[in-house]
Structure formats: structure tokens, C-alpha cells
């Protein structure tokens, strides 16, 4: 069925939602690691990457892993999550946040997000706490940051652990403190579309050295670091390779330049689309936003699929924001109603946001978006 979308103009440059900028030392470091033959989970680039990352986030207690999902699972495991323990988590999130709670033996308790910033609403947490609640998982989506003052205070008062999912928020901070530094454990992702990428990869931050030790033992099959092949705990093979860390080091050396470019792109989008019927995540004065992925809400009753098809015909890739986890078949909760989350999930769209995107290309996306919405 033809929805009236214009024919694709193949002369136009294709604009993906994201592509990494690998223009620094990434290739040189990768080849150096390759030539060294240290290509698995030992080598100097692992130490250098972890040290550089620790400097960025402001804590020495970090350990690299093979992806962001296992980072979350490892964090929950290190906290000693027991079968039946409940973890309060927003339903509007990437599915890994919820899957890993179940994989660790826990029970996700879905909470509403705030309408302004689309993040876990501190107002609703208290009503979700039961005698079985073990932890709260604030998820910092699209570079925005949860209200960590209120969430941390509430968790402390109720004796709950805090697990920060910072997969999308490297470079973001709350009141000048980098995300991840507010919690017992925190996790980051280095997937190919993240601000810093290693292809696949992740990092776990710990509040203190004892939790870090548990993380390091568990990620390496539970082996005692002082006694090779003596396994002192249940563990997993969640280690990052030296090759991946070499790419990560080249990336993080350029983090400030990447962040500056992404913030400039975000500002251009907001300026161009001001006065049009789009809603961005709210900017809070306490937050320094990394502007990972520019996302907005289309007007109510707008046909998002038709808009995305029109943009695709103009060779502009977009993607919907996340669907609610409580609507997923394996997490389905027909008794749960989260109208704010459900509205955002139905109307949200993410736009091209990569560092090498030119301002002229941002203008092109904005013009095409406005026209696509008018035609829908």
C-alpha cells in the first residue's frame, strides 16, 4: 500500500542514526595490540583503558567487560541478588535493564517515568517498595540524568542498593558528579552506537574496593586472582579483550571533542525545531547532558510509522524509542498501567546523532522531519 511517501532520491547522502567516529588513534592502537599477540583478555590496553575511564568518571573502582548487558548482570550478581528479590526499574528502558534482573534471579517491579525528562520518577518509587525490595535501578536515557539526589536519599533511607544503568550517559553528570558515582554499582556500554565504542564492550563501576574485587573475580570464572585455576566463587566469562580495549583507549582520548560536537548538534536540532510541535526531553539545571541520541516526541495522533517511512525515502534513518518492557511477551504485565511511559514509547523517535554529522545535514533532517509530519 502506498502511503504517499516520495520516491527515494539515491543522489542524497544516506544519514544513519549513528556511526562511530574512529579518526583518532583507534586503528594504530588496535594494530599494536594485534601485533603484540595479546589479543584476548590480558594486555596493556586493558589497563590503560580502565585507567583512562576511571579518570573520566572520577573513581578508581572500574572493571571492563565484554558488553553492557553483562555489565548489568555482573553488577546485580556482585550485590548478591537472591531469587525473588525485587528491583524497581522503569518500564520505559532498553530491554537489557529488565532482562538482567530476571537473569540474576530477581523480579522487576515496573515504575513510571516523569513526563518531562522520560526518566524514573522519584515520586513513584516509595509506592513500589515492599519487604522484598532489594534495589532501585535508575536508567539514564539518551544522555539525560535521573534525579540522583532524591533517588540516592530514598534508597539510603530504606536500606536499598542503587544500580545505575549509564549505558547511554557517558559524559553526563548530575550536579557536577559524573553518572555512576552516585550508586553502589553502575554500568556503561561501548556498543558501536555509543559515545565511546569498543565494538562491543562495557564497564562496571563499584562504590568501593570490596565490591570491585567481587566483580573482578566473578567476571573471570570466579578464579582467585592470587591462585591460578583455583575458583573461589561462581563466575562467568565476561572479560573484555585487549583488542577491544585498544579501540576504547583511542576513543576515550577524544571524548571531550566528541561530546562538544554532539552537544553542538543537539543545540542545532533544538534551535531548528523550536516553534514546531515537537517535545524534547526537558533540560534540568542540575544535568550536564552528553546528548547521546537526539530523541523527541511527535505530535499526538501523528502516524510515527508514516513519518519514519517518509524520512527513509529521503535517505534519513530514524528509529522508534524503546517500547515499554511491561508490554513485551516475556515480561508482560497486563495489570500494569503506566500512561506516561506508554505515551512516550508510542510517540518517540530518534534522529541521526553521530559526531561527524554536519550542520547542513542536521538542517536537512529537520526540514524533512517537519515536512513528513505535515504530510502524515
Protein backbone atom coordinates (compact mmCIF):
# COMPACT_ATOMS: atom_id res chain seq x y z
CA UNK A 1 0.00 0.00 0.00
CA UNK A 2 1.38 3.40 -0.96
CA UNK A 3 1.19 5.94 1.88
CA UNK A 4 2.14 8.82 -0.38
CA UNK A 5 5.83 8.84 0.58
CA UNK A 6 8.06 10.36 -2.08
CA UNK A 7 10.36 8.16 -4.10
CA UNK A 8 13.86 7.77 -2.72
CA UNK A 9 16.49 10.06 -4.19
CA UNK A 10 19.62 7.93 -4.29
CA UNK A 11 21.71 11.03 -5.05
CA UNK A 12 21.23 12.14 -1.47
CA UNK A 13 23.77 11.04 1.11
CA UNK A 14 22.35 8.40 3.43
CA UNK A 15 22.23 9.65 7.03
CA UNK A 16 22.21 6.82 9.58
CA UNK A 17 21.00 7.24 13.13
CA UNK A 18 24.55 6.65 14.31
CA UNK A 19 28.03 5.76 13.16
CA UNK A 20 31.23 5.83 15.22
CA UNK A 21 33.99 8.35 14.65
CA UNK A 22 37.21 6.32 14.54
CA UNK A 23 39.50 9.08 13.34
CA UNK A 24 41.94 9.12 16.27
CA UNK A 25 44.43 6.53 17.49
CA UNK A 26 41.95 3.66 17.34
CA UNK A 27 43.48 1.94 14.30
CA UNK A 28 47.07 2.43 15.48
CA UNK A 29 46.36 1.03 18.94
CA UNK A 30 44.37 -1.87 17.50
CA UNK A 31 47.21 -2.87 15.20
CA UNK A 32 49.69 -2.53 18.05
CA UNK A 33 47.59 -4.88 20.18
CA UNK A 34 47.25 -7.27 17.24
CA UNK A 35 50.99 -7.30 16.56
CA UNK A 36 51.72 -7.90 20.24
CA UNK A 37 49.70 -11.17 20.02
CA UNK A 38 47.92 -10.16 23.27
CA UNK A 39 44.51 -10.35 21.67
CA UNK A 40 42.41 -11.93 24.44
CA UNK A 41 41.60 -10.69 27.94
CA UNK A 42 45.09 -9.67 29.03
CA UNK A 43 47.34 -6.88 27.77
CA UNK A 44 48.43 -3.33 28.37
CA UNK A 45 45.49 -1.71 26.61
CA UNK A 46 43.06 -3.12 29.13
CA UNK A 47 44.93 -1.44 31.98
CA UNK A 48 45.27 1.81 30.04
CA UNK A 49 41.62 1.89 29.01
CA UNK A 50 40.37 1.19 32.53
CA UNK A 51 42.67 3.87 33.94
CA UNK A 52 41.51 6.44 31.36
CA UNK A 53 37.88 5.61 32.03
CA UNK A 54 38.38 5.82 35.80
CA UNK A 55 39.84 9.29 35.32
CA UNK A 56 36.75 10.41 33.37
CA UNK A 57 34.19 9.12 35.88
CA UNK A 58 36.19 10.03 38.98
CA UNK A 59 36.52 6.66 40.68
CA UNK A 60 39.34 4.08 40.59
CA UNK A 61 36.96 1.14 41.09
CA UNK A 62 36.22 0.12 37.50
CA UNK A 63 36.49 -3.12 35.54
CA UNK A 64 35.99 -3.70 31.81
CA UNK A 65 33.67 -6.40 30.47
CA UNK A 66 32.61 -7.72 27.08
CA UNK A 67 29.33 -5.79 26.69
CA UNK A 68 26.92 -3.53 28.51
CA UNK A 69 24.33 -6.23 29.18
CA UNK A 70 26.73 -8.49 31.06
CA UNK A 71 27.90 -5.39 32.92
CA UNK A 72 24.39 -5.10 34.38
CA UNK A 73 24.17 -8.80 35.14
CA UNK A 74 27.57 -8.76 36.81
CA UNK A 75 26.61 -5.74 38.90
CA UNK A 76 23.44 -7.42 40.17
CA UNK A 77 25.33 -10.65 40.82
CA UNK A 78 28.01 -8.83 42.83
CA UNK A 79 25.33 -7.27 45.03
CA UNK A 80 24.16 -10.75 45.98
CA UNK A 81 20.70 -10.53 44.45
CA UNK A 82 18.72 -13.55 45.64
CA UNK A 83 15.82 -15.34 43.92
CA UNK A 84 12.66 -13.35 44.48
CA UNK A 85 14.42 -10.09 45.37
CA UNK A 86 12.68 -7.15 43.76
CA UNK A 87 14.37 -4.40 41.76
CA UNK A 88 12.46 -1.22 40.93
CA UNK A 89 13.12 -0.30 37.30
CA UNK A 90 11.44 1.95 34.72
CA UNK A 91 9.43 0.08 32.11
CA UNK A 92 10.49 2.67 29.54
CA UNK A 93 14.06 1.47 29.04
CA UNK A 94 16.16 -0.74 26.80
CA UNK A 95 15.21 -4.33 27.50
CA UNK A 96 18.62 -5.31 28.94
CA UNK A 97 17.83 -3.34 32.10
CA UNK A 98 14.91 -5.68 32.77
CA UNK A 99 16.27 -8.92 31.33
CA UNK A 100 19.33 -8.89 33.56
CA UNK A 101 17.22 -8.55 36.71
CA UNK A 102 15.45 -11.78 35.77
CA UNK A 103 18.71 -13.46 34.73
CA UNK A 104 20.12 -12.66 38.18
CA UNK A 105 17.11 -14.29 39.84
CA UNK A 106 15.31 -11.08 40.71
CA UNK A 107 11.86 -9.71 39.97
CA UNK A 108 11.48 -6.44 38.03
CA UNK A 109 8.98 -4.03 39.55
CA UNK A 110 7.97 -1.61 36.84
CA UNK A 111 7.79 2.08 37.69
CA UNK A 112 6.55 5.15 35.84
CA UNK A 113 8.79 7.79 34.29
CA UNK A 114 8.40 11.55 34.57
CA UNK A 115 6.71 13.25 31.63
CA UNK A 116 9.34 15.98 31.32
CA UNK A 117 12.62 14.03 31.14
CA UNK A 118 11.30 10.49 30.45
CA UNK A 119 13.32 9.07 33.37
CA UNK A 120 12.46 7.11 36.52
CA UNK A 121 10.11 9.30 38.54
CA UNK A 122 11.26 9.61 42.18
CA UNK A 123 7.66 10.37 43.17
CA UNK A 124 6.54 6.81 42.42
CA UNK A 125 9.40 4.81 43.95
CA UNK A 126 8.10 4.73 47.53
CA UNK A 127 4.80 3.17 46.47
CA UNK A 128 6.71 0.35 44.73
CA UNK A 129 8.81 -0.62 47.75
CA UNK A 130 7.86 -3.86 49.53
CA UNK A 131 9.64 -6.03 52.12
CA UNK A 132 11.20 -7.90 49.18
CA UNK A 133 12.69 -4.81 47.50
CA UNK A 134 16.46 -5.08 47.26
CA UNK A 135 17.49 -2.38 44.82
CA UNK A 136 16.50 0.55 42.61
CA UNK A 137 17.79 0.84 39.04
CA UNK A 138 17.72 4.40 37.66
CA UNK A 139 18.35 4.37 33.91
CA UNK A 140 19.87 7.48 32.31
CA UNK A 141 18.33 7.50 28.83
CA UNK A 142 19.62 9.34 25.74
CA UNK A 143 22.21 11.25 27.78
CA UNK A 144 19.72 12.71 30.29
CA UNK A 145 20.21 12.00 34.01
CA UNK A 146 17.79 10.85 36.71
CA UNK A 147 17.31 12.91 39.88
CA UNK A 148 20.12 11.21 41.79
CA UNK A 149 19.74 13.40 44.89
CA UNK A 150 16.26 12.11 45.59
CA UNK A 151 16.80 8.55 44.40
CA UNK A 152 20.01 8.14 46.42
CA UNK A 153 18.45 9.63 49.55
CA UNK A 154 15.36 7.45 49.27
CA UNK A 155 17.44 4.30 48.76
CA UNK A 156 19.70 5.16 51.69
CA UNK A 157 16.73 5.80 53.99
CA UNK A 158 15.11 2.48 53.02
CA UNK A 159 18.29 0.39 53.02
CA UNK A 160 18.21 -0.30 49.28
CA UNK A 161 21.08 -0.71 46.85
CA UNK A 162 21.29 1.58 43.81
CA UNK A 163 22.34 0.18 40.43
CA UNK A 164 22.82 2.95 37.86
CA UNK A 165 22.35 1.97 34.23
CA UNK A 166 24.57 4.53 32.49
CA UNK A 167 24.77 2.74 29.14
CA UNK A 168 23.70 5.88 27.27
CA UNK A 169 25.17 8.56 29.51
CA UNK A 170 28.95 8.61 29.33
CA UNK A 171 29.88 12.28 29.68
CA UNK A 172 26.69 13.19 31.56
CA UNK A 173 26.65 14.42 35.14
CA UNK A 174 24.31 15.42 37.97
CA UNK A 175 25.39 18.49 39.96
CA UNK A 176 28.90 18.14 38.54
CA UNK A 177 29.32 14.49 39.51
CA UNK A 178 29.65 12.06 36.64
CA UNK A 179 26.90 9.48 36.37
CA UNK A 180 27.81 6.19 38.01
CA UNK A 181 29.40 7.82 41.04
CA UNK A 182 26.12 8.03 42.96
CA UNK A 183 25.48 4.33 43.42
CA UNK A 184 26.68 1.01 44.81
CA UNK A 185 27.35 -0.25 41.30
CA UNK A 186 26.95 1.33 37.88
CA UNK A 187 27.32 0.13 34.31
CA UNK A 188 28.23 1.54 30.90
CA UNK A 189 28.00 0.25 27.33
CA UNK A 190 30.51 0.62 24.50
CA UNK A 191 28.33 -0.75 21.69
CA UNK A 192 29.03 0.67 18.23
CA UNK A 193 26.47 3.46 18.59
CA UNK A 194 27.64 4.73 21.98
CA UNK A 195 29.61 7.93 22.62
CA UNK A 196 32.72 5.78 23.18
CA UNK A 197 32.74 2.41 21.43
CA UNK A 198 34.84 -0.73 21.53
CA UNK A 199 32.57 -2.52 19.04
CA UNK A 200 31.02 -4.49 21.88
CA UNK A 201 32.04 -3.80 25.45
CA UNK A 202 31.07 -2.45 28.82
CA UNK A 203 32.35 -1.18 32.14
CA UNK A 204 31.23 -1.71 35.73
CA UNK A 205 31.88 0.85 38.45
CA UNK A 206 31.87 -0.05 42.14
CA UNK A 207 31.37 2.10 45.20
CA UNK A 208 34.32 0.54 47.00
CA UNK A 209 37.26 -1.83 46.61
CA UNK A 210 35.47 -4.83 48.11
CA UNK A 211 32.65 -4.72 45.57
CA UNK A 212 35.24 -4.23 42.82
CA UNK A 213 37.07 -7.36 43.96
CA UNK A 214 33.84 -9.37 43.77
CA UNK A 215 33.19 -8.03 40.28
CA UNK A 216 36.68 -8.88 39.06
CA UNK A 217 36.55 -12.41 40.45
CA UNK A 218 33.08 -13.09 39.06
CA UNK A 219 33.85 -11.80 35.54
CA UNK A 220 36.81 -14.21 35.28
CA UNK A 221 35.07 -17.52 36.03
CA UNK A 222 35.34 -16.98 39.78
CA UNK A 223 39.09 -17.61 39.79
CA UNK A 224 41.20 -16.41 42.71
CA UNK A 225 43.45 -13.66 41.28
CA UNK A 226 46.30 -14.87 43.53
CA UNK A 227 45.95 -18.59 42.76
CA UNK A 228 45.52 -19.56 39.14
CA UNK A 229 42.81 -22.13 38.36
CA UNK A 230 41.57 -22.06 41.95
CA UNK A 231 37.96 -20.92 41.70
CA UNK A 232 36.56 -19.36 44.84
CA UNK A 233 33.11 -18.33 43.65
CA UNK A 234 30.54 -18.78 40.93
CA UNK A 235 31.69 -16.81 37.93
CA UNK A 236 31.25 -16.04 34.26
CA UNK A 237 33.43 -15.30 31.24
CA UNK A 238 32.59 -11.60 30.93
CA UNK A 239 36.06 -10.23 30.19
CA UNK A 240 36.91 -7.58 27.60
CA UNK A 241 39.64 -8.31 25.05
CA UNK A 242 42.82 -6.31 24.71
CA UNK A 243 41.82 -5.62 21.10
CA UNK A 244 38.54 -4.02 22.17
CA UNK A 245 40.29 -2.01 24.87
CA UNK A 246 42.77 -0.68 22.30
CA UNK A 247 39.88 0.79 20.30
CA UNK A 248 38.32 2.11 23.51
CA UNK A 249 41.50 3.90 24.53
CA UNK A 250 41.70 5.64 21.16
CA UNK A 251 38.08 6.69 21.60
CA UNK A 252 38.25 7.97 25.15
CA UNK A 253 41.32 10.08 24.36
CA UNK A 254 38.95 12.13 22.18
CA UNK A 255 35.94 12.11 24.50
CA UNK A 256 35.80 15.85 25.14
CA UNK A 257 35.90 16.67 21.44
CA UNK A 258 33.20 14.08 20.70
CA UNK A 259 30.97 15.44 23.47
CA UNK A 260 31.43 19.02 22.32
CA UNK A 261 30.41 18.08 18.79
CA UNK A 262 27.37 16.12 19.94
CA UNK A 263 26.21 19.00 22.12
CA UNK A 264 26.52 21.38 19.20
CA UNK A 265 24.45 19.03 17.04
CA UNK A 266 21.79 18.78 19.76
CA UNK A 267 21.64 22.57 20.05
CA UNK A 268 21.16 22.88 16.29
CA UNK A 269 18.26 20.40 16.36
CA UNK A 270 16.57 22.26 19.21
CA UNK A 271 17.03 25.65 17.57
CA UNK A 272 15.78 24.45 14.18
CA UNK A 273 12.72 22.72 15.59
CA UNK A 274 11.73 25.43 18.05
CA UNK A 275 8.21 26.58 17.26
CA UNK A 276 7.25 23.23 15.74
CA UNK A 277 5.02 20.73 17.57
CA UNK A 278 7.81 18.51 18.88
CA UNK A 279 8.70 17.78 22.50
CA UNK A 280 12.29 17.16 23.59
CA UNK A 281 13.44 15.72 26.91
CA UNK A 282 13.48 18.52 29.46
CA UNK A 283 16.82 20.14 30.27
CA UNK A 284 17.30 20.27 34.04
CA UNK A 285 19.76 22.75 35.55
CA UNK A 286 21.44 20.02 37.61
CA UNK A 287 22.27 17.99 34.48
CA UNK A 288 25.16 18.17 32.06
CA UNK A 289 23.81 16.10 29.18
CA UNK A 290 26.07 14.15 26.84
CA UNK A 291 23.34 14.39 24.16
CA UNK A 292 23.97 10.80 23.15
CA UNK A 293 20.98 10.35 20.86
CA UNK A 294 18.65 13.17 19.83
CA UNK A 295 15.12 11.96 20.51
CA UNK A 296 11.81 13.77 20.59
CA UNK A 297 8.06 13.19 20.73
CA UNK A 298 5.97 13.64 17.62
CA UNK A 299 2.64 15.46 17.98
CA UNK A 300 -0.26 13.44 19.41
CA UNK A 301 -2.12 11.33 16.82
CA UNK A 302 0.75 11.68 14.37
CA UNK A 303 1.45 8.45 12.43
CA UNK A 304 5.01 7.70 13.52
CA UNK A 305 5.45 4.81 11.09
CA UNK A 306 4.42 7.01 8.16
CA UNK A 307 6.81 9.74 9.28
CA UNK A 308 9.66 7.24 9.51
CA UNK A 309 8.84 5.85 6.06
CA UNK A 310 8.91 9.34 4.56
CA UNK A 311 12.27 10.05 6.19
CA UNK A 312 13.61 6.71 4.97
CA UNK A 313 12.53 7.65 1.44
CA UNK A 314 14.60 10.81 1.89
CA UNK A 315 17.55 8.58 2.89
CA UNK A 316 17.37 9.56 6.54
CA UNK A 317 17.39 6.73 9.05
CA UNK A 318 15.36 7.07 12.24
CA UNK A 319 14.31 4.65 14.94
CA UNK A 320 11.49 4.47 17.44
CA UNK A 321 12.32 5.00 21.09
CA UNK A 322 12.08 1.94 23.31
CA UNK A 323 8.86 0.02 23.75
CA UNK A 324 7.71 -0.49 27.33
CA UNK A 325 9.12 -3.63 28.93
CA UNK A 326 5.81 -4.49 30.60
CA UNK A 327 4.34 -4.91 27.09
CA UNK A 328 7.00 -7.42 25.99
CA UNK A 329 5.75 -11.02 25.73
CA UNK A 330 8.25 -12.41 28.25
CA UNK A 331 7.69 -9.58 30.76
CA UNK A 332 4.01 -8.94 30.03
CA UNK A 333 2.09 -7.38 32.89
CA UNK A 334 -1.48 -6.68 31.74
CA UNK A 335 -2.27 -5.47 35.26
CA UNK A 336 0.30 -2.65 35.00
CA UNK A 337 -0.73 0.72 33.56
CA UNK A 338 1.97 3.34 33.02
CA UNK A 339 0.34 6.00 30.83
CA UNK A 340 3.30 8.39 30.68
CA UNK A 341 5.73 5.63 29.66
CA UNK A 342 3.26 4.25 27.14
CA UNK A 343 2.70 7.65 25.55
CA UNK A 344 6.43 8.33 25.19
CA UNK A 345 7.00 4.85 23.75
CA UNK A 346 4.24 5.42 21.19
CA UNK A 347 5.32 8.90 20.01
CA UNK A 348 9.10 8.98 20.46
CA UNK A 349 11.56 8.97 17.59
CA UNK A 350 15.37 9.16 17.47
CA UNK A 351 17.22 11.14 14.81
CA UNK A 352 20.74 10.99 13.32
CA UNK A 353 23.13 11.99 16.11
CA UNK A 354 26.66 10.94 15.21
CA UNK A 355 29.66 13.24 15.75
CA UNK A 356 30.60 13.67 12.08
CA UNK A 357 27.10 14.83 11.13
CA UNK A 358 27.42 18.27 9.53
CA UNK A 359 25.20 21.19 10.46
CA UNK A 360 23.89 21.24 6.89
CA UNK A 361 22.87 17.60 7.34
CA UNK A 362 21.15 18.45 10.63
CA UNK A 363 19.23 21.15 8.76
CA UNK A 364 18.27 18.60 6.12
CA UNK A 365 16.94 16.19 8.76
CA UNK A 366 14.91 18.94 10.40
CA UNK A 367 13.39 20.12 7.14
CA UNK A 368 12.49 16.55 6.15
CA UNK A 369 11.01 15.83 9.58
CA UNK A 370 8.80 18.91 9.56
CA UNK A 371 7.56 18.08 6.05
CA UNK A 372 6.97 14.41 6.94
CA UNK A 373 4.86 15.38 9.96
CA UNK A 374 2.83 17.86 7.91
CA UNK A 375 2.12 15.12 5.37
CA UNK A 376 1.20 12.43 7.89
